[in-house]
Amino acid sequence: MATSPPPPPAQGGPGFTGFPQQQPRPAGAPGFGPPPGLPSSPGLPPTSPGLPPTPSGPAGGPGGSGGAGGTGRKGGNLRRNAVWAFVGAILASVVWSGAVAVVPRMVQGHSSAQSIHGYHAIDKICEAGKLTAFRQKYKMVDNYPLEHTGRSDSMDIMRCYALMKRSVSGSDTPDYATLDIRVELHKAVDSSPEYAATRHYFEQQKFEIADVPNLGQEAYYAYGDEPTSSDKTFHDINYYLVVRDGGMTFSLYWTDNYQLGKDATLERDTVRRAMLDDTRDILKAIGGK
């Protein structure tokens, strides 16, 4: 009989290794739970228009434990079915729009554009960057990642969205996670006010923030862990790595969830280091040094 895994790290655990950490999120603080439209919101449609299609999963939809011996996710207890594939894309959009809504004065002044320091748009950033660190932990779900690039005189945008899974010891269902990467090359306006506004948004939402040295001109890591609205034992975890280098802005968003006392996701430091390693590879692939 498999033993239950240890509970996930406490909220006040260490931040990005060697970097300063803010105070942890207080219990019940607002943050990023499942957005309206997921099954936990009766009466609303389960999907949002314009988001990528989800693959088929095991019976009952993607679900399962994120740690050895976990049993809490079987039978869809955590609702980890195909609709979770939408979460990454939805939440990433929430962050950018939320930052502008919360601190509009920080993004109203458009000064001259900064150099993009040799960065250039490519068609498939995840293919070029390879996502080696995350692929060592997870297997990409069929037909993923989804990659899109848009080019214009004022800004080039590159986007990669991935649904991944890993086998879990003691469970017959895999652990699923989403990865959402966005790169913008600002050629007409200064990107620094938007970068500052986004960071300020995370601070207002009580995310843990840690500066990341030696990555672009400035970079930070943001982490949030909170109960879902339906059951306090179920938690959503959200990781962001945001970088600015002149007119280039980059964000990597990774999300997963777990049940207290029954499931465990990858350790925080493991996720952070995978984020950092894959970010460096992607930035190098689009012309970074």
C-alpha atoms as a PDB file:
ATOM      1  CA  MET A   1       0.000   0.000   0.000  1.00  0.00           C
ATOM      2  CA  ALA A   2       1.518   3.298  -1.059  1.00  0.00           C
ATOM      3  CA  THR A   3       2.199   5.807   1.626  1.00  0.00           C
ATOM      4  CA  SER A   4       0.951   9.357   1.365  1.00  0.00           C
ATOM      5  CA  PRO A   5       3.562  11.956   0.380  1.00  0.00           C
ATOM      6  CA  PRO A   6       4.628  14.667   2.796  1.00  0.00           C
ATOM      7  CA  PRO A   7       2.535  17.842   2.678  1.00  0.00           C
ATOM      8  CA  PRO A   8       3.663  20.544   0.233  1.00  0.00           C
ATOM      9  CA  PRO A   9       6.200  23.139   1.374  1.00  0.00           C
ATOM     10  CA  ALA A  10       4.890  25.714   3.804  1.00  0.00           C
ATOM     11  CA  GLN A  11       3.973  29.090   2.404  1.00  0.00           C
ATOM     12  CA  GLY A  12       6.865  30.708   4.214  1.00  0.00           C
ATOM     13  CA  GLY A  13       9.446  28.398   2.630  1.00  0.00           C
ATOM     14  CA  PRO A  14      12.628  29.636   0.960  1.00  0.00           C
ATOM     15  CA  GLY A  15      12.330  31.885  -2.049  1.00  0.00           C
ATOM     16  CA  PHE A  16      14.336  31.693  -5.257  1.00  0.00           C
ATOM     17  CA  THR A  17      17.631  30.226  -4.049  1.00  0.00           C
ATOM     18  CA  GLY A  18      19.904  32.993  -2.864  1.00  0.00           C
ATOM     19  CA  PHE A  19      17.449  35.762  -3.639  1.00  0.00           C
ATOM     20  CA  PRO A  20      15.422  37.938  -1.243  1.00  0.00           C
ATOM     21  CA  GLN A  21      11.833  36.969  -0.517  1.00  0.00           C
ATOM     22  CA  GLN A  22       8.801  38.984   0.477  1.00  0.00           C
ATOM     23  CA  GLN A  23       6.326  37.939   3.134  1.00  0.00           C
ATOM     24  CA  PRO A  24       4.098  35.007   2.116  1.00  0.00           C
ATOM     25  CA  ARG A  25       0.496  35.408   1.067  1.00  0.00           C
ATOM     26  CA  PRO A  26      -1.846  35.556   4.072  1.00  0.00           C
ATOM     27  CA  ALA A  27      -4.556  32.932   4.311  1.00  0.00           C
ATOM     28  CA  GLY A  28      -7.542  33.790   2.182  1.00  0.00           C
ATOM     29  CA  ALA A  29      -5.752  36.538   0.253  1.00  0.00           C
ATOM     30  CA  PRO A  30      -6.929  37.093  -3.326  1.00  0.00           C
ATOM     31  CA  GLY A  31      -4.905  35.676  -6.158  1.00  0.00           C
ATOM     32  CA  PHE A  32      -5.246  33.408  -9.152  1.00  0.00           C
ATOM     33  CA  GLY A  33      -7.689  30.568  -8.607  1.00  0.00           C
ATOM     34  CA  PRO A  34      -9.623  28.974 -11.444  1.00  0.00           C
ATOM     35  CA  PRO A  35     -11.223  31.810 -13.417  1.00  0.00           C
ATOM     36  CA  PRO A  36     -14.951  32.033 -14.054  1.00  0.00           C
ATOM     37  CA  GLY A  37     -16.004  29.460 -16.593  1.00  0.00           C
ATOM     38  CA  LEU A  38     -14.412  26.400 -14.995  1.00  0.00           C
ATOM     39  CA  PRO A  39     -16.628  23.646 -13.553  1.00  0.00           C
ATOM     40  CA  SER A  40     -16.432  25.195 -10.076  1.00  0.00           C
ATOM     41  CA  SER A  41     -18.647  28.030 -11.374  1.00  0.00           C
ATOM     42  CA  PRO A  42     -22.061  26.438 -12.111  1.00  0.00           C
ATOM     43  CA  GLY A  43     -24.085  27.922 -14.911  1.00  0.00           C
ATOM     44  CA  LEU A  44     -21.124  29.369 -16.810  1.00  0.00           C
ATOM     45  CA  PRO A  45     -19.704  27.884 -20.003  1.00  0.00           C
ATOM     46  CA  PRO A  46     -16.715  25.622 -19.347  1.00  0.00           C
ATOM     47  CA  THR A  47     -14.463  27.272 -21.925  1.00  0.00           C
ATOM     48  CA  SER A  48     -13.588  30.666 -23.268  1.00  0.00           C
ATOM     49  CA  PRO A  49     -13.705  31.468 -27.006  1.00  0.00           C
ATOM     50  CA  GLY A  50     -10.451  31.848 -28.851  1.00  0.00           C
ATOM     51  CA  LEU A  51      -8.377  29.638 -26.579  1.00  0.00           C
ATOM     52  CA  PRO A  52      -6.569  26.557 -27.896  1.00  0.00           C
ATOM     53  CA  PRO A  53      -8.359  23.193 -28.027  1.00  0.00           C
ATOM     54  CA  THR A  54      -7.570  20.660 -25.361  1.00  0.00           C
ATOM     55  CA  PRO A  55      -6.457  17.087 -25.940  1.00  0.00           C
ATOM     56  CA  SER A  56      -8.389  14.096 -24.753  1.00  0.00           C
ATOM     57  CA  GLY A  57      -7.234  12.668 -21.452  1.00  0.00           C
ATOM     58  CA  PRO A  58      -7.822   9.515 -19.438  1.00  0.00           C
ATOM     59  CA  ALA A  59     -11.296   8.573 -18.313  1.00  0.00           C
ATOM     60  CA  GLY A  60     -12.706  11.378 -16.286  1.00  0.00           C
ATOM     61  CA  GLY A  61     -10.267  13.839 -17.871  1.00  0.00           C
ATOM     62  CA  PRO A  62      -6.688  14.682 -16.894  1.00  0.00           C
ATOM     63  CA  GLY A  63      -6.250  14.181 -13.206  1.00  0.00           C
ATOM     64  CA  GLY A  64      -4.250  12.380 -10.634  1.00  0.00           C
ATOM     65  CA  SER A  65      -1.679  12.930  -8.021  1.00  0.00           C
ATOM     66  CA  GLY A  66       1.351  15.119  -8.345  1.00  0.00           C
ATOM     67  CA  GLY A  67       3.315  13.036  -5.845  1.00  0.00           C
ATOM     68  CA  ALA A  68       3.974   9.478  -4.844  1.00  0.00           C
ATOM     69  CA  GLY A  69       1.092   7.671  -3.272  1.00  0.00           C
ATOM     70  CA  GLY A  70      -1.390  10.484  -3.908  1.00  0.00           C
ATOM     71  CA  THR A  71      -5.000   9.420  -4.254  1.00  0.00           C
ATOM     72  CA  GLY A  72      -6.945  12.638  -3.836  1.00  0.00           C
ATOM     73  CA  ARG A  73      -7.221  13.438  -7.539  1.00  0.00           C
ATOM     74  CA  LYS A  74      -8.738  10.188  -8.764  1.00  0.00           C
ATOM     75  CA  GLY A  75     -12.231  10.364 -10.155  1.00  0.00           C
ATOM     76  CA  GLY A  76     -11.881  14.065 -10.907  1.00  0.00           C
ATOM     77  CA  ASN A  77     -11.824  15.182  -7.252  1.00  0.00           C
ATOM     78  CA  LEU A  78      -9.540  18.007  -8.262  1.00  0.00           C
ATOM     79  CA  ARG A  79     -11.442  18.546 -11.519  1.00  0.00           C
ATOM     80  CA  ARG A  80      -8.195  18.110 -13.404  1.00  0.00           C
ATOM     81  CA  ASN A  81      -9.940  17.330 -16.657  1.00  0.00           C
ATOM     82  CA  ALA A  82      -9.289  18.757 -20.074  1.00  0.00           C
ATOM     83  CA  VAL A  83     -10.627  22.167 -19.113  1.00  0.00           C
ATOM     84  CA  TRP A  84      -7.476  22.779 -17.028  1.00  0.00           C
ATOM     85  CA  ALA A  85      -5.605  23.180 -20.289  1.00  0.00           C
ATOM     86  CA  PHE A  86      -7.304  26.554 -20.617  1.00  0.00           C
ATOM     87  CA  VAL A  87      -6.111  27.862 -17.254  1.00  0.00           C
ATOM     88  CA  GLY A  88      -2.636  28.957 -18.311  1.00  0.00           C
ATOM     89  CA  ALA A  89      -3.789  30.982 -21.272  1.00  0.00           C
ATOM     90  CA  ILE A  90      -6.603  32.605 -19.296  1.00  0.00           C
ATOM     91  CA  LEU A  91      -4.495  33.558 -16.299  1.00  0.00           C
ATOM     92  CA  ALA A  92      -1.636  34.926 -18.341  1.00  0.00           C
ATOM     93  CA  SER A  93      -4.088  37.273 -20.038  1.00  0.00           C
ATOM     94  CA  VAL A  94      -5.558  38.221 -16.653  1.00  0.00           C
ATOM     95  CA  VAL A  95      -2.155  39.346 -15.421  1.00  0.00           C
ATOM     96  CA  TRP A  96      -1.457  41.718 -18.281  1.00  0.00           C
ATOM     97  CA  SER A  97      -4.943  43.224 -18.359  1.00  0.00           C
ATOM     98  CA  GLY A  98      -5.069  43.377 -14.566  1.00  0.00           C
ATOM     99  CA  ALA A  99      -1.797  45.259 -14.363  1.00  0.00           C
ATOM    100  CA  VAL A 100      -3.110  47.963 -16.679  1.00  0.00           C
ATOM    101  CA  ALA A 101      -6.417  48.161 -14.790  1.00  0.00           C
ATOM    102  CA  VAL A 102      -4.796  48.383 -11.365  1.00  0.00           C
ATOM    103  CA  VAL A 103      -2.113  50.961 -12.145  1.00  0.00           C
ATOM    104  CA  PRO A 104      -3.160  52.832 -15.310  1.00  0.00           C
ATOM    105  CA  ARG A 105      -0.991  55.871 -14.634  1.00  0.00           C
ATOM    106  CA  MET A 106       2.108  53.705 -14.850  1.00  0.00           C
ATOM    107  CA  VAL A 107       1.421  52.790 -18.477  1.00  0.00           C
ATOM    108  CA  GLN A 108      -0.087  55.999 -19.845  1.00  0.00           C
ATOM    109  CA  GLY A 109       3.162  57.781 -20.563  1.00  0.00           C
ATOM    110  CA  HIS A 110       4.769  56.425 -23.732  1.00  0.00           C
ATOM    111  CA  SER A 111       8.377  57.582 -24.102  1.00  0.00           C
ATOM    112  CA  SER A 112      10.776  56.642 -26.832  1.00  0.00           C
ATOM    113  CA  ALA A 113      11.318  52.984 -27.555  1.00  0.00           C
ATOM    114  CA  GLN A 114      14.455  51.302 -26.279  1.00  0.00           C
ATOM    115  CA  SER A 115      16.794  49.117 -28.278  1.00  0.00           C
ATOM    116  CA  ILE A 116      15.698  45.492 -28.578  1.00  0.00           C
ATOM    117  CA  HIS A 117      19.363  44.481 -28.216  1.00  0.00           C
ATOM    118  CA  GLY A 118      19.501  42.119 -31.166  1.00  0.00           C
ATOM    119  CA  TYR A 119      16.426  40.084 -30.246  1.00  0.00           C
ATOM    120  CA  HIS A 120      14.338  39.048 -33.254  1.00  0.00           C
ATOM    121  CA  ALA A 121      11.057  37.237 -33.872  1.00  0.00           C
ATOM    122  CA  ILE A 122      11.117  33.565 -34.807  1.00  0.00           C
ATOM    123  CA  ASP A 123       8.221  31.287 -35.653  1.00  0.00           C
ATOM    124  CA  LYS A 124       8.522  28.672 -32.891  1.00  0.00           C
ATOM    125  CA  ILE A 125      10.193  29.827 -29.707  1.00  0.00           C
ATOM    126  CA  CYS A 126       9.612  26.643 -27.720  1.00  0.00           C
ATOM    127  CA  GLU A 127      10.942  24.479 -30.519  1.00  0.00           C
ATOM    128  CA  ALA A 128      14.014  26.678 -30.810  1.00  0.00           C
ATOM    129  CA  GLY A 129      14.467  26.952 -27.037  1.00  0.00           C
ATOM    130  CA  LYS A 130      13.747  23.213 -26.656  1.00  0.00           C
ATOM    131  CA  LEU A 131      12.322  23.438 -23.085  1.00  0.00           C
ATOM    132  CA  THR A 132      14.957  20.927 -22.034  1.00  0.00           C
ATOM    133  CA  ALA A 133      14.543  21.419 -18.285  1.00  0.00           C
ATOM    134  CA  PHE A 134      10.762  20.971 -18.267  1.00  0.00           C
ATOM    135  CA  ARG A 135      10.893  18.077 -20.732  1.00  0.00           C
ATOM    136  CA  GLN A 136      13.146  16.226 -18.294  1.00  0.00           C
ATOM    137  CA  LYS A 137      10.293  16.358 -15.740  1.00  0.00           C
ATOM    138  CA  TYR A 138       7.234  16.176 -17.986  1.00  0.00           C
ATOM    139  CA  LYS A 139       6.156  14.682 -21.286  1.00  0.00           C
ATOM    140  CA  MET A 140       4.484  17.000 -23.760  1.00  0.00           C
ATOM    141  CA  VAL A 141       0.859  16.084 -24.463  1.00  0.00           C
ATOM    142  CA  ASP A 142       0.174  15.233 -28.118  1.00  0.00           C
ATOM    143  CA  ASN A 143      -0.315  18.246 -30.425  1.00  0.00           C
ATOM    144  CA  TYR A 144       1.431  20.561 -27.970  1.00  0.00           C
ATOM    145  CA  PRO A 145       3.069  23.004 -27.705  1.00  0.00           C
ATOM    146  CA  LEU A 146       0.922  25.483 -29.600  1.00  0.00           C
ATOM    147  CA  GLU A 147       3.074  28.260 -31.018  1.00  0.00           C
ATOM    148  CA  HIS A 148       2.176  31.541 -32.722  1.00  0.00           C
ATOM    149  CA  THR A 149       4.140  34.579 -33.907  1.00  0.00           C
ATOM    150  CA  GLY A 150       2.851  37.960 -35.020  1.00  0.00           C
ATOM    151  CA  ARG A 151       4.968  40.681 -36.618  1.00  0.00           C
ATOM    152  CA  SER A 152       4.245  44.382 -37.118  1.00  0.00           C
ATOM    153  CA  ASP A 153       6.143  47.650 -37.401  1.00  0.00           C
ATOM    154  CA  SER A 154       5.414  48.552 -33.778  1.00  0.00           C
ATOM    155  CA  MET A 155       5.751  45.195 -31.977  1.00  0.00           C
ATOM    156  CA  ASP A 156       6.511  41.543 -32.628  1.00  0.00           C
ATOM    157  CA  ILE A 157       4.820  38.948 -30.395  1.00  0.00           C
ATOM    158  CA  MET A 158       5.816  35.316 -29.881  1.00  0.00           C
ATOM    159  CA  ARG A 159       3.645  32.910 -27.917  1.00  0.00           C
ATOM    160  CA  CYS A 160       4.013  29.294 -26.821  1.00  0.00           C
ATOM    161  CA  TYR A 161       1.439  27.340 -24.827  1.00  0.00           C
ATOM    162  CA  ALA A 162       2.033  23.795 -23.598  1.00  0.00           C
ATOM    163  CA  LEU A 163       0.130  21.106 -21.727  1.00  0.00           C
ATOM    164  CA  MET A 164       2.425  18.565 -20.069  1.00  0.00           C
ATOM    165  CA  LYS A 165       2.068  15.444 -17.958  1.00  0.00           C
ATOM    166  CA  ARG A 166       4.263  13.193 -15.857  1.00  0.00           C
ATOM    167  CA  SER A 167       3.800   9.700 -14.482  1.00  0.00           C
ATOM    168  CA  VAL A 168       3.315   9.540 -10.732  1.00  0.00           C
ATOM    169  CA  SER A 169       4.422   6.637  -8.574  1.00  0.00           C
ATOM    170  CA  GLY A 170       1.494   4.937  -6.855  1.00  0.00           C
ATOM    171  CA  SER A 171      -1.130   6.544  -9.103  1.00  0.00           C
ATOM    172  CA  ASP A 172      -2.821   5.339 -12.280  1.00  0.00           C
ATOM    173  CA  THR A 173      -3.407   8.897 -13.483  1.00  0.00           C
ATOM    174  CA  PRO A 174      -0.709  11.383 -14.498  1.00  0.00           C
ATOM    175  CA  ASP A 175      -0.010  14.829 -13.122  1.00  0.00           C
ATOM    176  CA  TYR A 176      -0.805  17.649 -15.576  1.00  0.00           C
ATOM    177  CA  ALA A 177       0.690  21.146 -15.677  1.00  0.00           C
ATOM    178  CA  THR A 178       0.520  24.071 -18.098  1.00  0.00           C
ATOM    179  CA  LEU A 179       3.252  26.327 -19.418  1.00  0.00           C
ATOM    180  CA  ASP A 180       2.580  29.661 -21.117  1.00  0.00           C
ATOM    181  CA  ILE A 181       5.411  31.748 -22.623  1.00  0.00           C
ATOM    182  CA  ARG A 182       5.068  35.181 -24.194  1.00  0.00           C
ATOM    183  CA  VAL A 183       7.751  37.416 -25.727  1.00  0.00           C
ATOM    184  CA  GLU A 184       7.134  40.957 -26.943  1.00  0.00           C
ATOM    185  CA  LEU A 185       9.601  43.087 -28.915  1.00  0.00           C
ATOM    186  CA  HIS A 186       8.494  46.695 -28.372  1.00  0.00           C
ATOM    187  CA  LYS A 187       9.712  48.793 -31.317  1.00  0.00           C
ATOM    188  CA  ALA A 188       7.567  51.905 -30.886  1.00  0.00           C
ATOM    189  CA  VAL A 189       7.213  52.564 -27.119  1.00  0.00           C
ATOM    190  CA  ASP A 190       9.190  52.155 -23.920  1.00  0.00           C
ATOM    191  CA  SER A 191       8.426  48.780 -22.329  1.00  0.00           C
ATOM    192  CA  SER A 192       9.615  49.659 -18.818  1.00  0.00           C
ATOM    193  CA  PRO A 193       6.331  51.234 -17.522  1.00  0.00           C
ATOM    194  CA  GLU A 194       4.362  48.105 -18.472  1.00  0.00           C
ATOM    195  CA  TYR A 195       6.983  45.904 -16.831  1.00  0.00           C
ATOM    196  CA  ALA A 196       6.804  47.974 -13.635  1.00  0.00           C
ATOM    197  CA  ALA A 197       2.998  47.934 -13.707  1.00  0.00           C
ATOM    198  CA  THR A 198       2.895  44.154 -13.968  1.00  0.00           C
ATOM    199  CA  ARG A 199       5.243  43.732 -11.032  1.00  0.00           C
ATOM    200  CA  HIS A 200       3.163  46.165  -9.002  1.00  0.00           C
ATOM    201  CA  TYR A 201       0.074  44.097  -9.796  1.00  0.00           C
ATOM    202  CA  PHE A 202       1.713  40.967  -8.365  1.00  0.00           C
ATOM    203  CA  GLU A 203       2.696  42.898  -5.246  1.00  0.00           C
ATOM    204  CA  GLN A 204      -0.885  44.052  -4.741  1.00  0.00           C
ATOM    205  CA  GLN A 205      -2.079  40.462  -5.097  1.00  0.00           C
ATOM    206  CA  LYS A 206       0.310  39.419  -2.290  1.00  0.00           C
ATOM    207  CA  PHE A 207       2.454  37.179  -4.469  1.00  0.00           C
ATOM    208  CA  GLU A 208       5.932  36.393  -3.204  1.00  0.00           C
ATOM    209  CA  ILE A 209       8.381  38.422  -5.297  1.00  0.00           C
ATOM    210  CA  ALA A 210      12.116  37.768  -5.702  1.00  0.00           C
ATOM    211  CA  ASP A 211      14.516  39.671  -7.955  1.00  0.00           C
ATOM    212  CA  VAL A 212      16.473  37.458 -10.349  1.00  0.00           C
ATOM    213  CA  PRO A 213      20.003  38.750 -11.005  1.00  0.00           C
ATOM    214  CA  ASN A 214      22.001  38.353 -14.212  1.00  0.00           C
ATOM    215  CA  LEU A 215      18.981  37.954 -16.447  1.00  0.00           C
ATOM    216  CA  GLY A 216      18.288  40.770 -18.903  1.00  0.00           C
ATOM    217  CA  GLN A 217      18.293  44.317 -17.524  1.00  0.00           C
ATOM    218  CA  GLU A 218      15.852  43.350 -14.802  1.00  0.00           C
ATOM    219  CA  ALA A 219      13.891  40.259 -13.902  1.00  0.00           C
ATOM    220  CA  TYR A 220      11.781  38.895 -11.075  1.00  0.00           C
ATOM    221  CA  TYR A 221      10.073  35.719 -10.007  1.00  0.00           C
ATOM    222  CA  ALA A 222       6.512  35.723  -8.612  1.00  0.00           C
ATOM    223  CA  TYR A 223       4.853  32.865  -6.722  1.00  0.00           C
ATOM    224  CA  GLY A 224       1.308  32.377  -5.470  1.00  0.00           C
ATOM    225  CA  ASP A 225      -0.316  29.444  -3.653  1.00  0.00           C
ATOM    226  CA  GLU A 226      -3.918  29.607  -2.481  1.00  0.00           C
ATOM    227  CA  PRO A 227      -6.953  27.403  -1.834  1.00  0.00           C
ATOM    228  CA  THR A 228      -9.629  27.150  -4.469  1.00  0.00           C
ATOM    229  CA  SER A 229     -12.996  28.662  -3.667  1.00  0.00           C
ATOM    230  CA  SER A 230     -14.789  25.310  -3.504  1.00  0.00           C
ATOM    231  CA  ASP A 231     -12.559  23.315  -1.155  1.00  0.00           C
ATOM    232  CA  LYS A 232      -9.791  24.735   1.035  1.00  0.00           C
ATOM    233  CA  THR A 233      -7.792  21.505   0.773  1.00  0.00           C
ATOM    234  CA  PHE A 234      -7.341  22.006  -2.971  1.00  0.00           C
ATOM    235  CA  HIS A 235      -4.675  24.548  -3.908  1.00  0.00           C
ATOM    236  CA  ASP A 236      -3.665  26.304  -7.096  1.00  0.00           C
ATOM    237  CA  ILE A 237      -0.002  27.215  -7.492  1.00  0.00           C
ATOM    238  CA  ASN A 238       1.201  29.833  -9.963  1.00  0.00           C
ATOM    239  CA  TYR A 239       4.780  30.640 -10.930  1.00  0.00           C
ATOM    240  CA  TYR A 240       5.896  33.563 -13.096  1.00  0.00           C
ATOM    241  CA  LEU A 241       9.313  34.564 -14.381  1.00  0.00           C
ATOM    242  CA  VAL A 242       9.263  38.024 -15.995  1.00  0.00           C
ATOM    243  CA  VAL A 243      12.230  39.606 -17.778  1.00  0.00           C
ATOM    244  CA  ARG A 244      12.911  42.941 -19.467  1.00  0.00           C
ATOM    245  CA  ASP A 245      15.944  43.663 -21.637  1.00  0.00           C
ATOM    246  CA  GLY A 246      15.597  46.982 -23.404  1.00  0.00           C
ATOM    247  CA  GLY A 247      12.502  46.752 -25.578  1.00  0.00           C
ATOM    248  CA  MET A 248      12.197  42.969 -25.098  1.00  0.00           C
ATOM    249  CA  THR A 249       9.798  41.697 -22.456  1.00  0.00           C
ATOM    250  CA  PHE A 250       9.454  38.016 -21.603  1.00  0.00           C
ATOM    251  CA  SER A 251       7.126  36.076 -19.324  1.00  0.00           C
ATOM    252  CA  LEU A 252       7.035  32.383 -18.468  1.00  0.00           C
ATOM    253  CA  TYR A 253       4.002  31.175 -16.534  1.00  0.00           C
ATOM    254  CA  TRP A 254       3.744  27.672 -15.031  1.00  0.00           C
ATOM    255  CA  THR A 255       0.757  26.382 -13.063  1.00  0.00           C
ATOM    256  CA  ASP A 256      -0.278  23.216 -11.273  1.00  0.00           C
ATOM    257  CA  ASN A 257      -2.489  22.281  -8.304  1.00  0.00           C
ATOM    258  CA  TYR A 258      -2.587  19.782  -5.456  1.00  0.00           C
ATOM    259  CA  GLN A 259      -4.609  18.544  -2.488  1.00  0.00           C
ATOM    260  CA  LEU A 260      -3.285  19.036   1.032  1.00  0.00           C
ATOM    261  CA  GLY A 261      -2.151  15.821   2.684  1.00  0.00           C
ATOM    262  CA  LYS A 262      -2.698  13.718  -0.429  1.00  0.00           C
ATOM    263  CA  ASP A 263      -0.904  15.194  -3.424  1.00  0.00           C
ATOM    264  CA  ALA A 264       2.361  16.992  -3.997  1.00  0.00           C
ATOM    265  CA  THR A 265       3.615  18.780  -7.088  1.00  0.00           C
ATOM    266  CA  LEU A 266       7.228  19.278  -8.050  1.00  0.00           C
ATOM    267  CA  GLU A 267       9.267  21.033  -5.390  1.00  0.00           C
ATOM    268  CA  ARG A 268       9.317  24.791  -5.711  1.00  0.00           C
ATOM    269  CA  ASP A 269      13.057  25.022  -6.246  1.00  0.00           C
ATOM    270  CA  THR A 270      12.851  22.385  -9.000  1.00  0.00           C
ATOM    271  CA  VAL A 271      10.225  24.416 -10.852  1.00  0.00           C
ATOM    272  CA  ARG A 272      12.095  27.690 -10.407  1.00  0.00           C
ATOM    273  CA  ARG A 273      15.334  26.290 -11.736  1.00  0.00           C
ATOM    274  CA  ALA A 274      13.570  24.709 -14.726  1.00  0.00           C
ATOM    275  CA  MET A 275      11.961  28.083 -15.445  1.00  0.00           C
ATOM    276  CA  LEU A 276      15.301  29.865 -15.272  1.00  0.00           C
ATOM    277  CA  ASP A 277      17.177  27.326 -17.417  1.00  0.00           C
ATOM    278  CA  ASP A 278      14.534  27.202 -20.141  1.00  0.00           C
ATOM    279  CA  THR A 279      14.161  30.983 -20.125  1.00  0.00           C
ATOM    280  CA  ARG A 280      17.877  31.443 -20.767  1.00  0.00           C
ATOM    281  CA  ASP A 281      17.721  28.944 -23.640  1.00  0.00           C
ATOM    282  CA  ILE A 282      14.737  30.696 -25.252  1.00  0.00           C
ATOM    283  CA  LEU A 283      16.268  34.157 -24.933  1.00  0.00           C
ATOM    284  CA  LYS A 284      19.477  32.879 -26.501  1.00  0.00           C
ATOM    285  CA  ALA A 285      17.456  31.337 -29.349  1.00  0.00           C
ATOM    286  CA  ILE A 286      15.913  34.720 -30.217  1.00  0.00           C
ATOM    287  CA  GLY A 287      19.207  36.597 -30.176  1.00  0.00           C
ATOM    288  CA  GLY A 288      19.997  37.177 -26.507  1.00  0.00           C
ATOM    289  CA  LYS A 289      23.490  36.813 -25.100  1.00  0.00           C
END
